[in-house]
Amino acid sequence: MNTPTDIDDLSHRAAQALIQAIDTDRWHSAEEWLTGYLSTTGTDPTHVLDEVAHSRTLLANADPDDRAILRKAATKTLAIRLREASTDHRTAGEQLRDFLAEQPDPTPPGNPRVVQTAYATQRSQVFQAGRSQNINLGTRRD
């Protein structure tokens, strides 16, 4: 067997990147990469692309509350397909690494918000650091 030892991790991370791109303007280039990757590994891409298209349809029509579960399931299924395609393919690890290097950093589904609360009394000050903040100033009433 000539499969990289980290192929499970690479397959999962590539599947995450592909599923994240599924409803963005990056999808068409991601789909082209997937088709090419499967073809170079000797896997017929038709079945995998049909599964991904089905996942894409489900995600597009899902309630917001269900999307995280559907994304997780689609990622797991695609990771399995990528792992199967990568078995005994000597350049699989390199191709997956190259694809991942071109992808933006993954973001959690739904971009969860962090809420910080701070209070200052009398003439004291509050300092908070971070990015992309919306600060609402108001008086605290106890």
N, C-alpha and C. Protein backbone atom coordinates (compact mmCIF):
# COMPACT_ATOMS: atom_id res chain seq x y z
N MET A 1 0.85 -1.18 0.00
CA MET A 1 0.00 0.00 0.00
C MET A 1 0.89 1.24 0.00
N ASN A 2 0.60 2.17 -0.85
CA ASN A 2 1.40 3.38 -0.99
C ASN A 2 0.53 4.60 -0.70
N THR A 3 -0.10 4.61 0.47
CA THR A 3 -1.00 5.69 0.86
C THR A 3 -0.34 6.49 1.97
N PRO A 4 -0.36 7.83 1.91
CA PRO A 4 0.23 8.63 2.99
C PRO A 4 -0.43 8.32 4.33
N THR A 5 0.37 8.40 5.40
CA THR A 5 -0.14 8.08 6.73
C THR A 5 -1.19 9.07 7.21
N ASP A 6 -1.14 10.32 6.73
CA ASP A 6 -2.10 11.33 7.18
C ASP A 6 -3.27 11.50 6.23
N ILE A 7 -3.53 10.49 5.41
CA ILE A 7 -4.56 10.62 4.38
C ILE A 7 -5.95 10.78 4.98
N ASP A 8 -6.22 10.19 6.15
CA ASP A 8 -7.54 10.35 6.77
C ASP A 8 -7.77 11.82 7.13
N ASP A 9 -6.77 12.44 7.74
CA ASP A 9 -6.88 13.85 8.11
C ASP A 9 -7.00 14.73 6.87
N LEU A 10 -6.17 14.48 5.88
CA LEU A 10 -6.21 15.27 4.64
C LEU A 10 -7.56 15.13 3.94
N SER A 11 -8.07 13.91 3.88
CA SER A 11 -9.37 13.68 3.24
C SER A 11 -10.48 14.42 3.97
N HIS A 12 -10.45 14.38 5.29
CA HIS A 12 -11.49 15.06 6.07
C HIS A 12 -11.39 16.58 5.89
N ARG A 13 -10.18 17.12 5.96
CA ARG A 13 -10.02 18.57 5.80
C ARG A 13 -10.41 19.03 4.40
N ALA A 14 -10.07 18.23 3.38
CA ALA A 14 -10.46 18.58 2.00
C ALA A 14 -11.98 18.53 1.86
N ALA A 15 -12.60 17.52 2.46
CA ALA A 15 -14.07 17.42 2.41
C ALA A 15 -14.71 18.62 3.10
N GLN A 16 -14.16 19.05 4.24
CA GLN A 16 -14.68 20.24 4.92
C GLN A 16 -14.60 21.46 4.01
N ALA A 17 -13.45 21.64 3.35
CA ALA A 17 -13.27 22.80 2.47
C ALA A 17 -14.25 22.75 1.30
N LEU A 18 -14.44 21.56 0.74
CA LEU A 18 -15.37 21.43 -0.38
C LEU A 18 -16.80 21.71 0.04
N ILE A 19 -17.21 21.18 1.18
CA ILE A 19 -18.58 21.39 1.65
C ILE A 19 -18.78 22.85 2.05
N GLN A 20 -17.74 23.47 2.60
CA GLN A 20 -17.86 24.90 2.93
C GLN A 20 -18.05 25.74 1.67
N ALA A 21 -17.44 25.32 0.59
CA ALA A 21 -17.54 26.08 -0.67
C ALA A 21 -18.83 25.82 -1.42
N ILE A 22 -19.59 24.84 -0.98
CA ILE A 22 -20.73 24.35 -1.74
C ILE A 22 -21.79 25.42 -2.03
N ASP A 23 -21.95 26.38 -1.15
CA ASP A 23 -22.96 27.41 -1.41
C ASP A 23 -22.33 28.80 -1.49
N THR A 24 -21.13 28.83 -2.05
CA THR A 24 -20.42 30.10 -2.26
C THR A 24 -20.02 30.22 -3.71
N ASP A 25 -19.43 31.35 -4.05
CA ASP A 25 -18.96 31.54 -5.42
C ASP A 25 -17.69 30.73 -5.71
N ARG A 26 -17.12 30.08 -4.72
CA ARG A 26 -15.94 29.22 -4.93
C ARG A 26 -16.34 27.81 -5.36
N TRP A 27 -17.63 27.51 -5.37
CA TRP A 27 -18.06 26.14 -5.61
C TRP A 27 -17.62 25.60 -6.97
N HIS A 28 -17.75 26.38 -8.01
CA HIS A 28 -17.45 25.85 -9.35
C HIS A 28 -15.97 25.45 -9.47
N SER A 29 -15.07 26.23 -8.93
CA SER A 29 -13.65 25.85 -8.98
C SER A 29 -13.39 24.65 -8.06
N ALA A 30 -14.09 24.57 -6.93
CA ALA A 30 -13.94 23.42 -6.04
C ALA A 30 -14.45 22.15 -6.71
N GLU A 31 -15.57 22.28 -7.41
CA GLU A 31 -16.15 21.14 -8.13
C GLU A 31 -15.21 20.67 -9.25
N GLU A 32 -14.61 21.62 -9.94
CA GLU A 32 -13.64 21.26 -10.99
C GLU A 32 -12.45 20.52 -10.39
N TRP A 33 -11.96 21.02 -9.24
CA TRP A 33 -10.84 20.33 -8.59
C TRP A 33 -11.25 18.91 -8.21
N LEU A 34 -12.43 18.75 -7.61
CA LEU A 34 -12.90 17.44 -7.19
C LEU A 34 -13.00 16.48 -8.37
N THR A 35 -13.56 16.95 -9.47
CA THR A 35 -13.66 16.11 -10.67
C THR A 35 -12.28 15.69 -11.15
N GLY A 36 -11.37 16.63 -11.22
CA GLY A 36 -10.01 16.32 -11.66
C GLY A 36 -9.30 15.38 -10.71
N TYR A 37 -9.45 15.62 -9.41
CA TYR A 37 -8.80 14.76 -8.42
C TYR A 37 -9.30 13.32 -8.53
N LEU A 38 -10.61 13.15 -8.57
CA LEU A 38 -11.17 11.81 -8.67
C LEU A 38 -10.73 11.13 -9.96
N SER A 39 -10.69 11.87 -11.04
CA SER A 39 -10.27 11.29 -12.32
C SER A 39 -8.81 10.85 -12.28
N THR A 40 -7.94 11.66 -11.66
CA THR A 40 -6.51 11.29 -11.61
C THR A 40 -6.26 10.11 -10.70
N THR A 41 -7.17 9.87 -9.75
CA THR A 41 -6.98 8.71 -8.87
C THR A 41 -7.62 7.45 -9.46
N GLY A 42 -8.23 7.60 -10.63
CA GLY A 42 -8.85 6.44 -11.28
C GLY A 42 -10.26 6.17 -10.81
N THR A 43 -10.86 7.12 -10.13
CA THR A 43 -12.23 6.97 -9.63
C THR A 43 -13.19 7.69 -10.58
N ASP A 44 -14.26 7.02 -10.94
CA ASP A 44 -15.28 7.67 -11.76
C ASP A 44 -15.97 8.73 -10.91
N PRO A 45 -15.88 10.00 -11.29
CA PRO A 45 -16.42 11.06 -10.45
C PRO A 45 -17.94 11.17 -10.45
N THR A 46 -18.62 10.48 -11.34
CA THR A 46 -20.07 10.65 -11.50
C THR A 46 -20.84 10.43 -10.20
N HIS A 47 -20.59 9.29 -9.55
CA HIS A 47 -21.34 8.96 -8.33
C HIS A 47 -21.06 9.97 -7.21
N VAL A 48 -19.81 10.33 -7.03
CA VAL A 48 -19.44 11.28 -5.97
C VAL A 48 -20.05 12.65 -6.26
N LEU A 49 -19.98 13.09 -7.50
CA LEU A 49 -20.57 14.39 -7.86
C LEU A 49 -22.09 14.39 -7.69
N ASP A 50 -22.73 13.26 -7.96
CA ASP A 50 -24.17 13.14 -7.73
C ASP A 50 -24.49 13.27 -6.23
N GLU A 51 -23.68 12.62 -5.39
CA GLU A 51 -23.88 12.72 -3.94
C GLU A 51 -23.72 14.16 -3.46
N VAL A 52 -22.68 14.83 -3.98
CA VAL A 52 -22.42 16.22 -3.59
C VAL A 52 -23.55 17.12 -4.08
N ALA A 53 -24.04 16.89 -5.28
CA ALA A 53 -25.15 17.69 -5.80
C ALA A 53 -26.40 17.50 -4.93
N HIS A 54 -26.62 16.27 -4.49
CA HIS A 54 -27.75 16.00 -3.60
C HIS A 54 -27.57 16.75 -2.27
N SER A 55 -26.37 16.71 -1.72
CA SER A 55 -26.08 17.44 -0.47
C SER A 55 -26.28 18.94 -0.67
N ARG A 56 -25.87 19.42 -1.82
CA ARG A 56 -26.01 20.85 -2.13
C ARG A 56 -27.49 21.25 -2.16
N THR A 57 -28.32 20.41 -2.76
CA THR A 57 -29.75 20.67 -2.81
C THR A 57 -30.36 20.63 -1.41
N LEU A 58 -29.98 19.62 -0.62
CA LEU A 58 -30.50 19.53 0.74
C LEU A 58 -30.12 20.75 1.56
N LEU A 59 -28.87 21.20 1.45
CA LEU A 59 -28.41 22.37 2.20
C LEU A 59 -29.14 23.63 1.76
N ALA A 60 -29.38 23.76 0.47
CA ALA A 60 -30.05 24.96 -0.04
C ALA A 60 -31.48 25.05 0.45
N ASN A 61 -32.12 23.91 0.66
CA ASN A 61 -33.53 23.90 1.05
C ASN A 61 -33.76 23.65 2.54
N ALA A 62 -32.69 23.52 3.31
CA ALA A 62 -32.80 23.17 4.72
C ALA A 62 -33.11 24.39 5.58
N ASP A 63 -33.75 24.13 6.70
CA ASP A 63 -33.93 25.16 7.72
C ASP A 63 -32.56 25.49 8.29
N PRO A 64 -32.35 26.74 8.68
CA PRO A 64 -31.05 27.12 9.25
C PRO A 64 -30.61 26.24 10.42
N ASP A 65 -31.56 25.77 11.21
CA ASP A 65 -31.23 24.92 12.36
C ASP A 65 -30.69 23.56 11.93
N ASP A 66 -31.05 23.10 10.75
CA ASP A 66 -30.63 21.77 10.29
C ASP A 66 -29.34 21.80 9.47
N ARG A 67 -28.91 22.96 9.06
CA ARG A 67 -27.76 23.04 8.16
C ARG A 67 -26.47 22.49 8.77
N ALA A 68 -26.23 22.74 10.03
CA ALA A 68 -25.00 22.24 10.65
C ALA A 68 -24.94 20.72 10.63
N ILE A 69 -26.07 20.08 10.91
CA ILE A 69 -26.13 18.61 10.89
C ILE A 69 -25.93 18.10 9.47
N LEU A 70 -26.58 18.74 8.51
CA LEU A 70 -26.44 18.31 7.11
C LEU A 70 -25.02 18.51 6.60
N ARG A 71 -24.39 19.63 6.98
CA ARG A 71 -23.00 19.87 6.58
C ARG A 71 -22.07 18.80 7.15
N LYS A 72 -22.31 18.45 8.40
CA LYS A 72 -21.48 17.42 9.04
C LYS A 72 -21.63 16.08 8.32
N ALA A 73 -22.86 15.71 8.00
CA ALA A 73 -23.11 14.45 7.30
C ALA A 73 -22.49 14.48 5.90
N ALA A 74 -22.66 15.59 5.19
CA ALA A 74 -22.09 15.70 3.84
C ALA A 74 -20.58 15.66 3.88
N THR A 75 -19.98 16.29 4.88
CA THR A 75 -18.53 16.28 5.04
C THR A 75 -18.03 14.87 5.29
N LYS A 76 -18.71 14.16 6.18
CA LYS A 76 -18.30 12.79 6.51
C LYS A 76 -18.38 11.88 5.28
N THR A 77 -19.48 11.99 4.55
CA THR A 77 -19.66 11.17 3.34
C THR A 77 -18.58 11.47 2.31
N LEU A 78 -18.33 12.75 2.07
CA LEU A 78 -17.33 13.14 1.08
C LEU A 78 -15.93 12.74 1.53
N ALA A 79 -15.66 12.85 2.82
CA ALA A 79 -14.34 12.43 3.34
C ALA A 79 -14.11 10.95 3.08
N ILE A 80 -15.14 10.15 3.25
CA ILE A 80 -15.02 8.71 2.97
C ILE A 80 -14.73 8.48 1.49
N ARG A 81 -15.44 9.21 0.61
CA ARG A 81 -15.22 9.06 -0.83
C ARG A 81 -13.79 9.48 -1.22
N LEU A 82 -13.30 10.59 -0.63
CA LEU A 82 -11.94 11.04 -0.92
C LEU A 82 -10.92 10.03 -0.41
N ARG A 83 -11.18 9.47 0.77
CA ARG A 83 -10.27 8.46 1.33
C ARG A 83 -10.23 7.23 0.44
N GLU A 84 -11.38 6.79 -0.01
CA GLU A 84 -11.44 5.62 -0.90
C GLU A 84 -10.68 5.88 -2.19
N ALA A 85 -10.84 7.09 -2.74
CA ALA A 85 -10.16 7.43 -3.99
C ALA A 85 -8.64 7.54 -3.79
N SER A 86 -8.22 7.85 -2.58
CA SER A 86 -6.81 8.09 -2.31
C SER A 86 -6.01 6.82 -2.04
N THR A 87 -6.70 5.72 -1.77
CA THR A 87 -6.02 4.49 -1.44
C THR A 87 -5.10 4.06 -2.59
N ASP A 88 -3.87 3.78 -2.23
CA ASP A 88 -2.84 3.31 -3.18
C ASP A 88 -2.53 4.29 -4.30
N HIS A 89 -2.84 5.54 -4.10
CA HIS A 89 -2.50 6.55 -5.11
C HIS A 89 -1.36 7.38 -4.55
N ARG A 90 -0.19 7.29 -5.17
CA ARG A 90 1.02 7.86 -4.57
C ARG A 90 1.05 9.39 -4.50
N THR A 91 0.29 10.09 -5.32
CA THR A 91 0.30 11.56 -5.24
C THR A 91 -0.93 12.13 -4.54
N ALA A 92 -1.74 11.25 -3.96
CA ALA A 92 -2.99 11.71 -3.33
C ALA A 92 -2.72 12.73 -2.22
N GLY A 93 -1.80 12.42 -1.34
CA GLY A 93 -1.50 13.34 -0.23
C GLY A 93 -1.04 14.69 -0.72
N GLU A 94 -0.18 14.69 -1.72
CA GLU A 94 0.33 15.94 -2.28
C GLU A 94 -0.80 16.75 -2.93
N GLN A 95 -1.66 16.08 -3.67
CA GLN A 95 -2.77 16.78 -4.32
C GLN A 95 -3.74 17.37 -3.29
N LEU A 96 -4.02 16.62 -2.23
CA LEU A 96 -4.92 17.12 -1.19
C LEU A 96 -4.28 18.31 -0.46
N ARG A 97 -2.98 18.20 -0.16
CA ARG A 97 -2.29 19.32 0.50
C ARG A 97 -2.29 20.57 -0.38
N ASP A 98 -2.05 20.39 -1.67
CA ASP A 98 -2.07 21.54 -2.59
C ASP A 98 -3.45 22.20 -2.62
N PHE A 99 -4.50 21.39 -2.66
CA PHE A 99 -5.86 21.93 -2.66
C PHE A 99 -6.12 22.70 -1.37
N LEU A 100 -5.76 22.11 -0.24
CA LEU A 100 -5.99 22.76 1.05
C LEU A 100 -5.21 24.06 1.19
N ALA A 101 -4.03 24.12 0.60
CA ALA A 101 -3.22 25.34 0.69
C ALA A 101 -3.89 26.51 -0.04
N GLU A 102 -4.72 26.21 -1.02
CA GLU A 102 -5.40 27.26 -1.79
C GLU A 102 -6.72 27.71 -1.16
N GLN A 103 -7.16 27.02 -0.10
CA GLN A 103 -8.46 27.31 0.48
C GLN A 103 -8.34 28.32 1.62
N PRO A 104 -9.37 29.14 1.80
CA PRO A 104 -9.37 30.05 2.95
C PRO A 104 -9.50 29.25 4.25
N ASP A 105 -9.10 29.86 5.35
CA ASP A 105 -9.22 29.19 6.64
C ASP A 105 -10.68 28.84 6.89
N PRO A 106 -10.91 27.64 7.42
CA PRO A 106 -12.29 27.26 7.70
C PRO A 106 -12.91 28.14 8.78
N THR A 107 -14.18 28.42 8.60
CA THR A 107 -14.92 29.17 9.62
C THR A 107 -16.04 28.30 10.12
N PRO A 108 -16.39 28.44 11.38
CA PRO A 108 -17.48 27.62 11.90
C PRO A 108 -18.79 27.94 11.20
N PRO A 109 -19.67 26.94 11.01
CA PRO A 109 -20.96 27.19 10.38
C PRO A 109 -21.75 28.24 11.15
N GLY A 110 -22.34 29.16 10.41
CA GLY A 110 -23.18 30.16 11.03
C GLY A 110 -22.42 31.30 11.68
N ASN A 111 -21.10 31.28 11.63
CA ASN A 111 -20.29 32.33 12.25
C ASN A 111 -20.83 32.73 13.62
N PRO A 112 -20.65 31.86 14.62
CA PRO A 112 -21.21 32.16 15.93
C PRO A 112 -20.65 33.47 16.49
N ARG A 113 -21.48 34.15 17.23
CA ARG A 113 -21.10 35.44 17.80
C ARG A 113 -20.67 35.25 19.24
N VAL A 114 -19.70 36.02 19.63
CA VAL A 114 -19.26 36.05 21.02
C VAL A 114 -19.76 37.36 21.61
N VAL A 115 -20.36 37.27 22.77
CA VAL A 115 -20.87 38.45 23.43
C VAL A 115 -20.07 38.67 24.70
N GLN A 116 -19.53 39.87 24.83
CA GLN A 116 -18.81 40.23 26.05
C GLN A 116 -19.61 41.33 26.74
N THR A 117 -19.62 41.26 28.04
CA THR A 117 -20.30 42.28 28.81
C THR A 117 -19.31 42.82 29.84
N ALA A 118 -19.21 44.13 29.92
CA ALA A 118 -18.32 44.76 30.89
C ALA A 118 -19.01 45.98 31.46
N TYR A 119 -18.76 46.24 32.71
CA TYR A 119 -19.38 47.38 33.37
C TYR A 119 -18.30 48.24 34.01
N ALA A 120 -18.50 49.52 33.99
CA ALA A 120 -17.63 50.46 34.68
C ALA A 120 -18.51 51.27 35.63
N THR A 121 -18.00 51.51 36.79
CA THR A 121 -18.77 52.30 37.75
C THR A 121 -18.08 53.63 37.99
N GLN A 122 -18.86 54.59 38.29
CA GLN A 122 -18.42 55.96 38.54
C GLN A 122 -17.47 56.43 37.45
N ARG A 123 -16.23 56.69 37.75
CA ARG A 123 -15.30 57.23 36.74
C ARG A 123 -14.30 56.19 36.25
N SER A 124 -14.57 54.93 36.44
CA SER A 124 -13.65 53.89 35.96
C SER A 124 -13.84 53.66 34.46
N GLN A 125 -12.89 52.96 33.88
CA GLN A 125 -12.93 52.70 32.44
C GLN A 125 -12.89 51.20 32.18
N VAL A 126 -13.43 50.81 31.05
CA VAL A 126 -13.38 49.42 30.62
C VAL A 126 -12.63 49.37 29.30
N PHE A 127 -11.68 48.45 29.22
CA PHE A 127 -10.94 48.25 27.98
C PHE A 127 -11.16 46.82 27.51
N GLN A 128 -11.57 46.66 26.27
CA GLN A 128 -11.73 45.34 25.68
C GLN A 128 -11.09 45.38 24.31
N ALA A 129 -10.43 44.31 23.94
CA ALA A 129 -9.76 44.26 22.65
C ALA A 129 -10.37 43.14 21.81
N GLY A 130 -10.36 43.35 20.52
CA GLY A 130 -10.88 42.34 19.62
C GLY A 130 -11.09 42.93 18.25
N ARG A 131 -11.60 42.10 17.33
CA ARG A 131 -11.87 42.55 15.97
C ARG A 131 -13.36 42.58 15.73
N SER A 132 -13.75 43.36 14.75
CA SER A 132 -15.13 43.41 14.29
C SER A 132 -16.12 43.57 15.44
N GLN A 133 -15.92 44.58 16.23
CA GLN A 133 -16.77 44.77 17.39
C GLN A 133 -17.89 45.77 17.11
N ASN A 134 -19.00 45.52 17.69
CA ASN A 134 -20.09 46.48 17.76
C ASN A 134 -20.25 46.79 19.24
N ILE A 135 -20.00 48.01 19.60
CA ILE A 135 -20.06 48.38 21.01
C ILE A 135 -21.26 49.29 21.23
N ASN A 136 -22.11 48.87 22.13
CA ASN A 136 -23.27 49.67 22.51
C ASN A 136 -23.00 50.26 23.89
N LEU A 137 -22.99 51.56 23.97
CA LEU A 137 -22.75 52.22 25.24
C LEU A 137 -24.08 52.61 25.85
N GLY A 138 -24.19 52.31 27.08
CA GLY A 138 -25.41 52.65 27.79
C GLY A 138 -25.11 52.65 29.28
N THR A 139 -26.03 53.09 30.04
CA THR A 139 -25.84 53.10 31.49
C THR A 139 -26.45 51.86 32.09
N ARG A 140 -25.79 51.37 33.09
CA ARG A 140 -26.29 50.17 33.79
C ARG A 140 -27.20 50.64 34.92
N ARG A 141 -28.31 50.00 35.00
CA ARG A 141 -29.25 50.36 36.05
C ARG A 141 -29.49 49.15 36.93
N ASP A 142 -29.07 49.28 38.14
CA ASP A 142 -29.27 48.18 39.10
C ASP A 142 -30.42 48.43 40.02
